[in-house]
Amino acid sequence: ATIFQGFTKPGTLYPDNAGKQVYVVRPRYNSEYIWNIPALQKIG
């Protein structure tokens, strides 16, 4: 917030975040979470 001085951490974060901010986007659902689950599990 000292560099991005107008950015405000959301007062309510998404429940799955466990209080942490977002840093990556999940791979595309309909190609990866349907067909490629074992590979997804390897990277968490």
PDB file of all heavy atoms in Angstrom:
ATOM      1  N   ALA A   1       0.810  -1.221   0.000  1.00  0.00           N
ATOM      2  CA  ALA A   1       0.000   0.000   0.000  1.00  0.00           C
ATOM      3  C   ALA A   1       0.842   1.269   0.000  1.00  0.00           C
ATOM      4  O   ALA A   1       0.321   2.361  -0.221  1.00  0.00           O
ATOM      5  CB  ALA A   1      -0.945   0.013   1.195  1.00  0.00           C
ATOM      6  N   THR A   2       2.144   1.156   0.232  1.00  0.00           N
ATOM      7  CA  THR A   2       3.001   2.337   0.133  1.00  0.00           C
ATOM      8  C   THR A   2       3.426   2.596  -1.308  1.00  0.00           C
ATOM      9  O   THR A   2       3.893   3.698  -1.627  1.00  0.00           O
ATOM     10  CB  THR A   2       4.265   2.185   1.002  1.00  0.00           C
ATOM     11  OG1 THR A   2       5.092   1.140   0.476  1.00  0.00           O
ATOM     12  CG2 THR A   2       3.897   1.895   2.439  1.00  0.00           C
ATOM     13  N   ILE A   3       3.249   1.592  -2.160  1.00  0.00           N
ATOM     14  CA  ILE A   3       3.562   1.745  -3.585  1.00  0.00           C
ATOM     15  C   ILE A   3       2.285   1.929  -4.384  1.00  0.00           C
ATOM     16  O   ILE A   3       2.187   2.831  -5.224  1.00  0.00           O
ATOM     17  CB  ILE A   3       4.364   0.534  -4.092  1.00  0.00           C
ATOM     18  CG1 ILE A   3       5.738   0.517  -3.416  1.00  0.00           C
ATOM     19  CG2 ILE A   3       4.518   0.576  -5.616  1.00  0.00           C
ATOM     20  CD1 ILE A   3       6.565  -0.699  -3.729  1.00  0.00           C
ATOM     21  N   PHE A   4       1.296   1.091  -4.138  1.00  0.00           N
ATOM     22  CA  PHE A   4      -0.030   1.239  -4.760  1.00  0.00           C
ATOM     23  C   PHE A   4      -0.933   1.870  -3.706  1.00  0.00           C
ATOM     24  O   PHE A   4      -1.669   1.192  -2.990  1.00  0.00           O
ATOM     25  CB  PHE A   4      -0.534  -0.122  -5.241  1.00  0.00           C
ATOM     26  CG  PHE A   4       0.381  -0.742  -6.257  1.00  0.00           C
ATOM     27  CD1 PHE A   4       1.331  -1.675  -5.880  1.00  0.00           C
ATOM     28  CD2 PHE A   4       0.327  -0.352  -7.589  1.00  0.00           C
ATOM     29  CE1 PHE A   4       2.200  -2.227  -6.807  1.00  0.00           C
ATOM     30  CE2 PHE A   4       1.184  -0.901  -8.526  1.00  0.00           C
ATOM     31  CZ  PHE A   4       2.127  -1.837  -8.136  1.00  0.00           C
ATOM     32  N   GLN A   5      -0.864   3.186  -3.635  1.00  0.00           N
ATOM     33  CA  GLN A   5      -1.401   3.908  -2.486  1.00  0.00           C
ATOM     34  C   GLN A   5      -2.920   3.984  -2.443  1.00  0.00           C
ATOM     35  O   GLN A   5      -3.481   4.358  -1.421  1.00  0.00           O
ATOM     36  CB  GLN A   5      -0.784   5.309  -2.455  1.00  0.00           C
ATOM     37  CG  GLN A   5       0.716   5.270  -2.258  1.00  0.00           C
ATOM     38  CD  GLN A   5       1.396   6.580  -2.618  1.00  0.00           C
ATOM     39  OE1 GLN A   5       0.925   7.342  -3.457  1.00  0.00           O
ATOM     40  NE2 GLN A   5       2.519   6.849  -1.993  1.00  0.00           N
ATOM     41  N   GLY A   6      -3.557   3.607  -3.517  1.00  0.00           N
ATOM     42  CA  GLY A   6      -5.009   3.598  -3.512  1.00  0.00           C
ATOM     43  C   GLY A   6      -5.601   2.214  -3.485  1.00  0.00           C
ATOM     44  O   GLY A   6      -6.826   2.048  -3.470  1.00  0.00           O
ATOM     45  N   PHE A   7      -4.740   1.194  -3.482  1.00  0.00           N
ATOM     46  CA  PHE A   7      -5.235  -0.183  -3.424  1.00  0.00           C
ATOM     47  C   PHE A   7      -5.625  -0.516  -1.988  1.00  0.00           C
ATOM     48  O   PHE A   7      -4.856  -0.298  -1.057  1.00  0.00           O
ATOM     49  CB  PHE A   7      -4.166  -1.165  -3.912  1.00  0.00           C
ATOM     50  CG  PHE A   7      -4.655  -2.578  -4.033  1.00  0.00           C
ATOM     51  CD1 PHE A   7      -5.060  -3.079  -5.257  1.00  0.00           C
ATOM     52  CD2 PHE A   7      -4.722  -3.417  -2.925  1.00  0.00           C
ATOM     53  CE1 PHE A   7      -5.538  -4.384  -5.374  1.00  0.00           C
ATOM     54  CE2 PHE A   7      -5.184  -4.720  -3.020  1.00  0.00           C
ATOM     55  CZ  PHE A   7      -5.598  -5.200  -4.254  1.00  0.00           C
ATOM     56  N   THR A   8      -6.828  -1.048  -1.841  1.00  0.00           N
ATOM     57  CA  THR A   8      -7.338  -1.405  -0.517  1.00  0.00           C
ATOM     58  C   THR A   8      -7.639  -2.892  -0.476  1.00  0.00           C
ATOM     59  O   THR A   8      -8.438  -3.395  -1.285  1.00  0.00           O
ATOM     60  CB  THR A   8      -8.634  -0.627  -0.194  1.00  0.00           C
ATOM     61  OG1 THR A   8      -8.381   0.774  -0.308  1.00  0.00           O
ATOM     62  CG2 THR A   8      -9.113  -0.949   1.202  1.00  0.00           C
ATOM     63  N   LYS A   9      -7.002  -3.610   0.433  1.00  0.00           N
ATOM     64  CA  LYS A   9      -7.301  -5.030   0.575  1.00  0.00           C
ATOM     65  C   LYS A   9      -8.776  -5.201   0.891  1.00  0.00           C
ATOM     66  O   LYS A   9      -9.307  -4.537   1.787  1.00  0.00           O
ATOM     67  CB  LYS A   9      -6.459  -5.637   1.698  1.00  0.00           C
ATOM     68  CG  LYS A   9      -6.691  -7.125   1.897  1.00  0.00           C
ATOM     69  CD  LYS A   9      -5.821  -7.673   3.018  1.00  0.00           C
ATOM     70  CE  LYS A   9      -6.088  -9.153   3.262  1.00  0.00           C
ATOM     71  NZ  LYS A   9      -5.250  -9.702   4.352  1.00  0.00           N
ATOM     72  N   PRO A  10      -9.483  -6.047   0.131  1.00  0.00           N
ATOM     73  CA  PRO A  10     -10.910  -6.222   0.375  1.00  0.00           C
ATOM     74  C   PRO A  10     -11.218  -6.572   1.823  1.00  0.00           C
ATOM     75  O   PRO A  10     -10.544  -7.423   2.424  1.00  0.00           O
ATOM     76  CB  PRO A  10     -11.291  -7.370  -0.572  1.00  0.00           C
ATOM     77  CG  PRO A  10     -10.267  -7.311  -1.662  1.00  0.00           C
ATOM     78  CD  PRO A  10      -9.003  -6.879  -0.993  1.00  0.00           C
ATOM     79  N   GLY A  11     -12.211  -5.922   2.363  1.00  0.00           N
ATOM     80  CA  GLY A  11     -12.598  -6.195   3.748  1.00  0.00           C
ATOM     81  C   GLY A  11     -13.111  -7.601   3.938  1.00  0.00           C
ATOM     82  O   GLY A  11     -12.998  -8.179   5.023  1.00  0.00           O
ATOM     83  N   THR A  12     -13.684  -8.161   2.874  1.00  0.00           N
ATOM     84  CA  THR A  12     -14.161  -9.542   2.908  1.00  0.00           C
ATOM     85  C   THR A  12     -13.514 -10.290   1.746  1.00  0.00           C
ATOM     86  O   THR A  12     -13.769  -9.972   0.581  1.00  0.00           O
ATOM     87  CB  THR A  12     -15.688  -9.618   2.760  1.00  0.00           C
ATOM     88  OG1 THR A  12     -16.294  -8.847   3.796  1.00  0.00           O
ATOM     89  CG2 THR A  12     -16.163 -11.063   2.847  1.00  0.00           C
ATOM     90  N   LEU A  13     -12.684 -11.261   2.070  1.00  0.00           N
ATOM     91  CA  LEU A  13     -12.065 -12.085   1.043  1.00  0.00           C
ATOM     92  C   LEU A  13     -12.895 -13.340   0.823  1.00  0.00           C
ATOM     93  O   LEU A  13     -13.668 -13.765   1.680  1.00  0.00           O
ATOM     94  CB  LEU A  13     -10.637 -12.469   1.452  1.00  0.00           C
ATOM     95  CG  LEU A  13      -9.600 -11.333   1.443  1.00  0.00           C
ATOM     96  CD1 LEU A  13      -8.319 -11.777   2.136  1.00  0.00           C
ATOM     97  CD2 LEU A  13      -9.301 -10.888   0.011  1.00  0.00           C
ATOM     98  N   TYR A  14     -12.745 -13.941  -0.344  1.00  0.00           N
ATOM     99  CA  TYR A  14     -13.441 -15.182  -0.689  1.00  0.00           C
ATOM    100  C   TYR A  14     -13.134 -16.241   0.378  1.00  0.00           C
ATOM    101  O   TYR A  14     -11.982 -16.362   0.825  1.00  0.00           O
ATOM    102  CB  TYR A  14     -12.964 -15.630  -2.067  1.00  0.00           C
ATOM    103  CG  TYR A  14     -13.680 -16.810  -2.646  1.00  0.00           C
ATOM    104  CD1 TYR A  14     -15.030 -16.738  -2.979  1.00  0.00           C
ATOM    105  CD2 TYR A  14     -13.002 -18.005  -2.900  1.00  0.00           C
ATOM    106  CE1 TYR A  14     -15.684 -17.826  -3.546  1.00  0.00           C
ATOM    107  CE2 TYR A  14     -13.644 -19.096  -3.459  1.00  0.00           C
ATOM    108  CZ  TYR A  14     -14.992 -18.998  -3.773  1.00  0.00           C
ATOM    109  OH  TYR A  14     -15.631 -20.075  -4.337  1.00  0.00           O
ATOM    110  N   PRO A  15     -14.126 -17.000   0.811  1.00  0.00           N
ATOM    111  CA  PRO A  15     -13.915 -17.946   1.914  1.00  0.00           C
ATOM    112  C   PRO A  15     -12.750 -18.915   1.713  1.00  0.00           C
ATOM    113  O   PRO A  15     -12.007 -19.203   2.661  1.00  0.00           O
ATOM    114  CB  PRO A  15     -15.255 -18.695   1.993  1.00  0.00           C
ATOM    115  CG  PRO A  15     -16.254 -17.701   1.483  1.00  0.00           C
ATOM    116  CD  PRO A  15     -15.547 -16.942   0.395  1.00  0.00           C
ATOM    117  N   ASP A  16     -12.562 -19.412   0.497  1.00  0.00           N
ATOM    118  CA  ASP A  16     -11.493 -20.375   0.253  1.00  0.00           C
ATOM    119  C   ASP A  16     -10.098 -19.769   0.382  1.00  0.00           C
ATOM    120  O   ASP A  16      -9.105 -20.501   0.469  1.00  0.00           O
ATOM    121  CB  ASP A  16     -11.630 -20.995  -1.143  1.00  0.00           C
ATOM    122  CG  ASP A  16     -12.772 -22.004  -1.222  1.00  0.00           C
ATOM    123  OD1 ASP A  16     -13.366 -22.295  -0.168  1.00  0.00           O
ATOM    124  OD2 ASP A  16     -13.082 -22.474  -2.333  1.00  0.00           O
ATOM    125  N   ASN A  17     -10.012 -18.445   0.388  1.00  0.00           N
ATOM    126  CA  ASN A  17      -8.701 -17.795   0.469  1.00  0.00           C
ATOM    127  C   ASN A  17      -8.027 -17.983   1.822  1.00  0.00           C
ATOM    128  O   ASN A  17      -6.819 -17.812   1.938  1.00  0.00           O
ATOM    129  CB  ASN A  17      -8.821 -16.290   0.200  1.00  0.00           C
ATOM    130  CG  ASN A  17      -9.185 -15.972  -1.226  1.00  0.00           C
ATOM    131  OD1 ASN A  17      -9.891 -16.717  -1.878  1.00  0.00           O
ATOM    132  ND2 ASN A  17      -8.692 -14.848  -1.725  1.00  0.00           N
ATOM    133  N   ALA A  18      -8.804 -18.272   2.827  1.00  0.00           N
ATOM    134  CA  ALA A  18      -8.266 -18.415   4.189  1.00  0.00           C
ATOM    135  C   ALA A  18      -7.499 -17.157   4.612  1.00  0.00           C
ATOM    136  O   ALA A  18      -6.435 -17.238   5.228  1.00  0.00           O
ATOM    137  CB  ALA A  18      -7.379 -19.658   4.284  1.00  0.00           C
ATOM    138  N   GLY A  19      -8.058 -16.007   4.241  1.00  0.00           N
ATOM    139  CA  GLY A  19      -7.468 -14.736   4.643  1.00  0.00           C
ATOM    140  C   GLY A  19      -6.333 -14.238   3.768  1.00  0.00           C
ATOM    141  O   GLY A  19      -5.776 -13.161   4.016  1.00  0.00           O
ATOM    142  N   LYS A  20      -5.974 -15.002   2.732  1.00  0.00           N
ATOM    143  CA  LYS A  20      -4.851 -14.640   1.869  1.00  0.00           C
ATOM    144  C   LYS A  20      -5.352 -13.979   0.586  1.00  0.00           C
ATOM    145  O   LYS A  20      -6.470 -14.241   0.138  1.00  0.00           O
ATOM    146  CB  LYS A  20      -4.032 -15.882   1.527  1.00  0.00           C
ATOM    147  CG  LYS A  20      -3.374 -16.540   2.734  1.00  0.00           C
ATOM    148  CD  LYS A  20      -2.794 -17.895   2.383  1.00  0.00           C
ATOM    149  CE  LYS A  20      -3.879 -18.929   2.116  1.00  0.00           C
ATOM    150  NZ  LYS A  20      -3.323 -20.285   1.877  1.00  0.00           N
ATOM    151  N   GLN A  21      -4.497 -13.147  -0.025  1.00  0.00           N
ATOM    152  CA  GLN A  21      -4.874 -12.480  -1.269  1.00  0.00           C
ATOM    153  C   GLN A  21      -4.581 -13.360  -2.475  1.00  0.00           C
ATOM    154  O   GLN A  21      -3.792 -14.308  -2.414  1.00  0.00           O
ATOM    155  CB  GLN A  21      -4.152 -11.132  -1.380  1.00  0.00           C
ATOM    156  CG  GLN A  21      -4.653 -10.124  -0.365  1.00  0.00           C
ATOM    157  CD  GLN A  21      -4.215  -8.715  -0.679  1.00  0.00           C
ATOM    158  OE1 GLN A  21      -3.254  -8.230  -0.108  1.00  0.00           O
ATOM    159  NE2 GLN A  21      -4.925  -8.048  -1.577  1.00  0.00           N
ATOM    160  N   VAL A  22      -5.199 -13.038  -3.589  1.00  0.00           N
ATOM    161  CA  VAL A  22      -5.065 -13.834  -4.802  1.00  0.00           C
ATOM    162  C   VAL A  22      -3.728 -13.566  -5.480  1.00  0.00           C
ATOM    163  O   VAL A  22      -3.268 -12.427  -5.536  1.00  0.00           O
ATOM    164  CB  VAL A  22      -6.242 -13.553  -5.762  1.00  0.00           C
ATOM    165  CG1 VAL A  22      -6.223 -12.115  -6.278  1.00  0.00           C
ATOM    166  CG2 VAL A  22      -6.257 -14.542  -6.920  1.00  0.00           C
ATOM    167  N   TYR A  23      -3.112 -14.633  -6.021  1.00  0.00           N
ATOM    168  CA  TYR A  23      -1.811 -14.486  -6.685  1.00  0.00           C
ATOM    169  C   TYR A  23      -1.716 -15.195  -8.032  1.00  0.00           C
ATOM    170  O   TYR A  23      -0.863 -14.856  -8.845  1.00  0.00           O
ATOM    171  CB  TYR A  23      -0.681 -14.974  -5.774  1.00  0.00           C
ATOM    172  CG  TYR A  23      -0.163 -13.897  -4.858  1.00  0.00           C
ATOM    173  CD1 TYR A  23      -0.725 -13.696  -3.596  1.00  0.00           C
ATOM    174  CD2 TYR A  23       0.881 -13.062  -5.243  1.00  0.00           C
ATOM    175  CE1 TYR A  23      -0.256 -12.701  -2.748  1.00  0.00           C
ATOM    176  CE2 TYR A  23       1.363 -12.060  -4.406  1.00  0.00           C
ATOM    177  CZ  TYR A  23       0.787 -11.884  -3.161  1.00  0.00           C
ATOM    178  OH  TYR A  23       1.247 -10.891  -2.338  1.00  0.00           O
ATOM    179  N   VAL A  24      -2.543 -16.197  -8.273  1.00  0.00           N
ATOM    180  CA  VAL A  24      -2.529 -16.874  -9.577  1.00  0.00           C
ATOM    181  C   VAL A  24      -3.962 -17.150 -10.012  1.00  0.00           C
ATOM    182  O   VAL A  24      -4.901 -17.131  -9.200  1.00  0.00           O
ATOM    183  CB  VAL A  24      -1.741 -18.208  -9.552  1.00  0.00           C
ATOM    184  CG1 VAL A  24      -0.272 -17.985  -9.252  1.00  0.00           C
ATOM    185  CG2 VAL A  24      -2.363 -19.201  -8.582  1.00  0.00           C
ATOM    186  N   VAL A  25      -4.102 -17.418 -11.297  1.00  0.00           N
ATOM    187  CA  VAL A  25      -5.384 -17.853 -11.848  1.00  0.00           C
ATOM    188  C   VAL A  25      -5.302 -19.360 -12.061  1.00  0.00           C
ATOM    189  O   VAL A  25      -4.275 -19.884 -12.501  1.00  0.00           O
ATOM    190  CB  VAL A  25      -5.677 -17.134 -13.186  1.00  0.00           C
ATOM    191  CG1 VAL A  25      -6.909 -17.735 -13.867  1.00  0.00           C
ATOM    192  CG2 VAL A  25      -5.864 -15.642 -12.945  1.00  0.00           C
ATOM    193  N   ARG A  26      -6.375 -20.033 -11.723  1.00  0.00           N
ATOM    194  CA  ARG A  26      -6.406 -21.484 -11.930  1.00  0.00           C
ATOM    195  C   ARG A  26      -6.421 -21.808 -13.423  1.00  0.00           C
ATOM    196  O   ARG A  26      -6.969 -21.047 -14.218  1.00  0.00           O
ATOM    197  CB  ARG A  26      -7.665 -22.075 -11.284  1.00  0.00           C
ATOM    198  CG  ARG A  26      -7.653 -21.995  -9.782  1.00  0.00           C
ATOM    199  CD  ARG A  26      -8.997 -22.353  -9.178  1.00  0.00           C
ATOM    200  NE  ARG A  26      -8.936 -22.260  -7.731  1.00  0.00           N
ATOM    201  CZ  ARG A  26      -8.614 -23.263  -6.924  1.00  0.00           C
ATOM    202  NH1 ARG A  26      -8.358 -24.450  -7.441  1.00  0.00           N
ATOM    203  NH2 ARG A  26      -8.562 -23.096  -5.623  1.00  0.00           N
ATOM    204  N   PRO A  27      -5.849 -22.940 -13.827  1.00  0.00           N
ATOM    205  CA  PRO A  27      -5.950 -23.362 -15.226  1.00  0.00           C
ATOM    206  C   PRO A  27      -7.417 -23.475 -15.653  1.00  0.00           C
ATOM    207  O   PRO A  27      -8.312 -23.608 -14.817  1.00  0.00           O
ATOM    208  CB  PRO A  27      -5.265 -24.731 -15.235  1.00  0.00           C
ATOM    209  CG  PRO A  27      -4.309 -24.679 -14.083  1.00  0.00           C
ATOM    210  CD  PRO A  27      -5.019 -23.864 -13.032  1.00  0.00           C
ATOM    211  N   ARG A  28      -7.654 -23.437 -16.928  1.00  0.00           N
ATOM    212  CA  ARG A  28      -9.024 -23.426 -17.471  1.00  0.00           C
ATOM    213  C   ARG A  28      -9.784 -24.692 -17.056  1.00  0.00           C
ATOM    214  O   ARG A  28      -9.303 -25.809 -17.214  1.00  0.00           O
ATOM    215  CB  ARG A  28      -8.965 -23.312 -18.995  1.00  0.00           C
ATOM    216  CG  ARG A  28     -10.313 -23.153 -19.674  1.00  0.00           C
ATOM    217  CD  ARG A  28     -10.107 -22.792 -21.143  1.00  0.00           C
ATOM    218  NE  ARG A  28     -11.369 -22.621 -21.845  1.00  0.00           N
ATOM    219  CZ  ARG A  28     -11.912 -23.531 -22.652  1.00  0.00           C
ATOM    220  NH1 ARG A  28     -11.282 -24.688 -22.866  1.00  0.00           N
ATOM    221  NH2 ARG A  28     -13.058 -23.298 -23.268  1.00  0.00           N
ATOM    222  N   TYR A  29     -10.969 -24.475 -16.549  1.00  0.00           N
ATOM    223  CA  TYR A  29     -11.747 -25.571 -15.977  1.00  0.00           C
ATOM    224  C   TYR A  29     -12.026 -26.681 -16.986  1.00  0.00           C
ATOM    225  O   TYR A  29     -11.760 -27.859 -16.724  1.00  0.00           O
ATOM    226  CB  TYR A  29     -13.068 -25.037 -15.409  1.00  0.00           C
ATOM    227  CG  TYR A  29     -13.964 -26.123 -14.875  1.00  0.00           C
ATOM    228  CD1 TYR A  29     -13.711 -26.705 -13.639  1.00  0.00           C
ATOM    229  CD2 TYR A  29     -15.051 -26.590 -15.610  1.00  0.00           C
ATOM    230  CE1 TYR A  29     -14.512 -27.727 -13.143  1.00  0.00           C
ATOM    231  CE2 TYR A  29     -15.861 -27.601 -15.129  1.00  0.00           C
ATOM    232  CZ  TYR A  29     -15.589 -28.177 -13.902  1.00  0.00           C
ATOM    233  OH  TYR A  29     -16.380 -29.184 -13.414  1.00  0.00           O
ATOM    234  N   ASN A  30     -12.590 -26.345 -18.140  1.00  0.00           N
ATOM    235  CA  ASN A  30     -13.097 -27.376 -19.049  1.00  0.00           C
ATOM    236  C   ASN A  30     -12.035 -28.140 -19.811  1.00  0.00           C
ATOM    237  O   ASN A  30     -12.347 -29.124 -20.479  1.00  0.00           O
ATOM    238  CB  ASN A  30     -14.104 -26.768 -20.034  1.00  0.00           C
ATOM    239  CG  ASN A  30     -15.515 -26.862 -19.509  1.00  0.00           C
ATOM    240  OD1 ASN A  30     -15.958 -27.926 -19.105  1.00  0.00           O
ATOM    241  ND2 ASN A  30     -16.217 -25.741 -19.478  1.00  0.00           N
ATOM    242  N   SER A  31     -10.784 -27.744 -19.717  1.00  0.00           N
ATOM    243  CA  SER A  31      -9.742 -28.593 -20.291  1.00  0.00           C
ATOM    244  C   SER A  31      -8.946 -29.299 -19.201  1.00  0.00           C
ATOM    245  O   SER A  31      -8.565 -30.456 -19.367  1.00  0.00           O
ATOM    246  CB  SER A  31      -8.792 -27.770 -21.172  1.00  0.00           C
ATOM    247  OG  SER A  31      -8.109 -26.802 -20.413  1.00  0.00           O
ATOM    248  N   GLU A  32      -8.740 -28.621 -18.082  1.00  0.00           N
ATOM    249  CA  GLU A  32      -7.846 -29.178 -17.066  1.00  0.00           C
ATOM    250  C   GLU A  32      -8.578 -29.885 -15.930  1.00  0.00           C
ATOM    251  O   GLU A  32      -8.201 -30.989 -15.535  1.00  0.00           O
ATOM    252  CB  GLU A  32      -6.954 -28.063 -16.512  1.00  0.00           C
ATOM    253  CG  GLU A  32      -6.136 -27.354 -17.589  1.00  0.00           C
ATOM    254  CD  GLU A  32      -5.324 -28.325 -18.426  1.00  0.00           C
ATOM    255  OE1 GLU A  32      -4.471 -29.030 -17.861  1.00  0.00           O
ATOM    256  OE2 GLU A  32      -5.555 -28.390 -19.661  1.00  0.00           O
ATOM    257  N   TYR A  33      -9.612 -29.272 -15.392  1.00  0.00           N
ATOM    258  CA  TYR A  33     -10.297 -29.864 -14.239  1.00  0.00           C
ATOM    259  C   TYR A  33     -11.286 -30.952 -14.654  1.00  0.00           C
ATOM    260  O   TYR A  33     -11.844 -31.636 -13.807  1.00  0.00           O
ATOM    261  CB  TYR A  33     -10.983 -28.781 -13.412  1.00  0.00           C
ATOM    262  CG  TYR A  33      -9.990 -27.950 -12.622  1.00  0.00           C
ATOM    263  CD1 TYR A  33      -9.394 -26.828 -13.191  1.00  0.00           C
ATOM    264  CD2 TYR A  33      -9.628 -28.298 -11.329  1.00  0.00           C
ATOM    265  CE1 TYR A  33      -8.461 -26.067 -12.492  1.00  0.00           C
ATOM    266  CE2 TYR A  33      -8.700 -27.547 -10.618  1.00  0.00           C
ATOM    267  CZ  TYR A  33      -8.119 -26.433 -11.205  1.00  0.00           C
ATOM    268  OH  TYR A  33      -7.194 -25.694 -10.505  1.00  0.00           O
ATOM    269  N   ILE A  34     -11.470 -31.128 -15.948  1.00  0.00           N
ATOM    270  CA  ILE A  34     -12.287 -32.234 -16.445  1.00  0.00           C
ATOM    271  C   ILE A  34     -11.399 -33.396 -16.878  1.00  0.00           C
ATOM    272  O   ILE A  34     -11.680 -34.557 -16.583  1.00  0.00           O
ATOM    273  CB  ILE A  34     -13.167 -31.775 -17.632  1.00  0.00           C
ATOM    274  CG1 ILE A  34     -14.143 -30.677 -17.189  1.00  0.00           C
ATOM    275  CG2 ILE A  34     -13.923 -32.958 -18.242  1.00  0.00           C
ATOM    276  CD1 ILE A  34     -15.163 -31.136 -16.174  1.00  0.00           C
ATOM    277  N   TRP A  35     -10.268 -33.079 -17.574  1.00  0.00           N
ATOM    278  CA  TRP A  35      -9.481 -34.123 -18.217  1.00  0.00           C
ATOM    279  C   TRP A  35      -8.089 -34.346 -17.616  1.00  0.00           C
ATOM    280  O   TRP A  35      -7.447 -35.343 -17.932  1.00  0.00           O
ATOM    281  CB  TRP A  35      -9.299 -33.786 -19.713  1.00  0.00           C
ATOM    282  CG  TRP A  35     -10.583 -33.536 -20.419  1.00  0.00           C
ATOM    283  CD1 TRP A  35     -11.094 -32.337 -20.811  1.00  0.00           C
ATOM    284  CD2 TRP A  35     -11.549 -34.510 -20.808  1.00  0.00           C
ATOM    285  NE1 TRP A  35     -12.311 -32.493 -21.422  1.00  0.00           N
ATOM    286  CE2 TRP A  35     -12.625 -33.830 -21.439  1.00  0.00           C
ATOM    287  CE3 TRP A  35     -11.625 -35.903 -20.697  1.00  0.00           C
ATOM    288  CZ2 TRP A  35     -13.732 -34.482 -21.949  1.00  0.00           C
ATOM    289  CZ3 TRP A  35     -12.732 -36.559 -21.212  1.00  0.00           C
ATOM    290  CH2 TRP A  35     -13.769 -35.844 -21.825  1.00  0.00           C
ATOM    291  N   ASN A  36      -7.618 -33.450 -16.788  1.00  0.00           N
ATOM    292  CA  ASN A  36      -6.198 -33.511 -16.434  1.00  0.00           C
ATOM    293  C   ASN A  36      -5.960 -33.432 -14.921  1.00  0.00           C
ATOM    294  O   ASN A  36      -4.979 -32.858 -14.467  1.00  0.00           O
ATOM    295  CB  ASN A  36      -5.458 -32.348 -17.140  1.00  0.00           C
ATOM    296  CG  ASN A  36      -4.028 -32.695 -17.498  1.00  0.00           C
ATOM    297  OD1 ASN A  36      -3.651 -33.852 -17.611  1.00  0.00           O
ATOM    298  ND2 ASN A  36      -3.211 -31.666 -17.676  1.00  0.00           N
ATOM    299  N   ILE A  37      -6.837 -34.023 -14.144  1.00  0.00           N
ATOM    300  CA  ILE A  37      -6.777 -33.927 -12.689  1.00  0.00           C
ATOM    301  C   ILE A  37      -5.459 -34.449 -12.100  1.00  0.00           C
ATOM    302  O   ILE A  37      -4.877 -33.791 -11.221  1.00  0.00           O
ATOM    303  CB  ILE A  37      -7.973 -34.663 -12.045  1.00  0.00           C
ATOM    304  CG1 ILE A  37      -9.273 -33.889 -12.311  1.00  0.00           C
ATOM    305  CG2 ILE A  37      -7.766 -34.841 -10.553  1.00  0.00           C
ATOM    306  CD1 ILE A  37      -9.355 -32.565 -11.576  1.00  0.00           C
ATOM    307  N   PRO A  38      -4.939 -35.616 -12.523  1.00  0.00           N
ATOM    308  CA  PRO A  38      -3.682 -36.086 -11.915  1.00  0.00           C
ATOM    309  C   PRO A  38      -2.541 -35.075 -12.046  1.00  0.00           C
ATOM    310  O   PRO A  38      -1.756 -34.897 -11.103  1.00  0.00           O
ATOM    311  CB  PRO A  38      -3.383 -37.376 -12.686  1.00  0.00           C
ATOM    312  CG  PRO A  38      -4.726 -37.865 -13.123  1.00  0.00           C
ATOM    313  CD  PRO A  38      -5.498 -36.622 -13.459  1.00  0.00           C
ATOM    314  N   ALA A  39      -2.454 -34.409 -13.183  1.00  0.00           N
ATOM    315  CA  ALA A  39      -1.398 -33.408 -13.374  1.00  0.00           C
ATOM    316  C   ALA A  39      -1.640 -32.197 -12.476  1.00  0.00           C
ATOM    317  O   ALA A  39      -0.695 -31.616 -11.932  1.00  0.00           O
ATOM    318  CB  ALA A  39      -1.332 -32.988 -14.840  1.00  0.00           C
ATOM    319  N   LEU A  40      -2.904 -31.817 -12.315  1.00  0.00           N
ATOM    320  CA  LEU A  40      -3.232 -30.698 -11.425  1.00  0.00           C
ATOM    321  C   LEU A  40      -2.864 -31.013  -9.986  1.00  0.00           C
ATOM    322  O   LEU A  40      -2.376 -30.152  -9.246  1.00  0.00           O
ATOM    323  CB  LEU A  40      -4.725 -30.373 -11.518  1.00  0.00           C
ATOM    324  CG  LEU A  40      -5.237 -29.743 -12.812  1.00  0.00           C
ATOM    325  CD1 LEU A  40      -6.758 -29.639 -12.773  1.00  0.00           C
ATOM    326  CD2 LEU A  40      -4.624 -28.369 -13.034  1.00  0.00           C
ATOM    327  N   GLN A  41      -3.087 -32.239  -9.577  1.00  0.00           N
ATOM    328  CA  GLN A  41      -2.782 -32.630  -8.202  1.00  0.00           C
ATOM    329  C   GLN A  41      -1.287 -32.513  -7.917  1.00  0.00           C
ATOM    330  O   GLN A  41      -0.879 -32.137  -6.816  1.00  0.00           O
ATOM    331  CB  GLN A  41      -3.267 -34.055  -7.955  1.00  0.00           C
ATOM    332  CG  GLN A  41      -4.788 -34.177  -7.916  1.00  0.00           C
ATOM    333  CD  GLN A  41      -5.273 -35.610  -7.857  1.00  0.00           C
ATOM    334  OE1 GLN A  41      -4.592 -36.524  -8.350  1.00  0.00           O
ATOM    335  NE2 GLN A  41      -6.446 -35.825  -7.273  1.00  0.00           N
ATOM    336  N   LYS A  42      -0.469 -32.788  -8.921  1.00  0.00           N
ATOM    337  CA  LYS A  42       0.981 -32.718  -8.739  1.00  0.00           C
ATOM    338  C   LYS A  42       1.460 -31.306  -8.427  1.00  0.00           C
ATOM    339  O   LYS A  42       2.471 -31.129  -7.748  1.00  0.00           O
ATOM    340  CB  LYS A  42       1.689 -33.247  -9.988  1.00  0.00           C
ATOM    341  CG  LYS A  42       1.537 -34.730 -10.228  1.00  0.00           C
ATOM    342  CD  LYS A  42       2.245 -35.154 -11.507  1.00  0.00           C
ATOM    343  CE  LYS A  42       2.045 -36.632 -11.791  1.00  0.00           C
ATOM    344  NZ  LYS A  42       2.698 -37.051 -13.061  1.00  0.00           N
ATOM    345  N   ILE A  43       0.747 -30.307  -8.922  1.00  0.00           N
ATOM    346  CA  ILE A  43       1.171 -28.922  -8.678  1.00  0.00           C
ATOM    347  C   ILE A  43       0.317 -28.242  -7.609  1.00  0.00           C
ATOM    348  O   ILE A  43       0.435 -27.036  -7.376  1.00  0.00           O
ATOM    349  CB  ILE A  43       1.149 -28.090  -9.983  1.00  0.00           C
ATOM    350  CG1 ILE A  43      -0.277 -27.979 -10.546  1.00  0.00           C
ATOM    351  CG2 ILE A  43       2.102 -28.669 -11.020  1.00  0.00           C
ATOM    352  CD1 ILE A  43      -0.400 -26.972 -11.688  1.00  0.00           C
ATOM    353  N   GLY A  44      -0.562 -29.012  -6.982  1.00  0.00           N
ATOM    354  CA  GLY A  44      -1.383 -28.484  -5.899  1.00  0.00           C
ATOM    355  C   GLY A  44      -2.588 -27.697  -6.347  1.00  0.00           C
ATOM    356  O   GLY A  44      -3.228 -27.009  -5.532  1.00  0.00           O
TER     357      GLY A  44
END
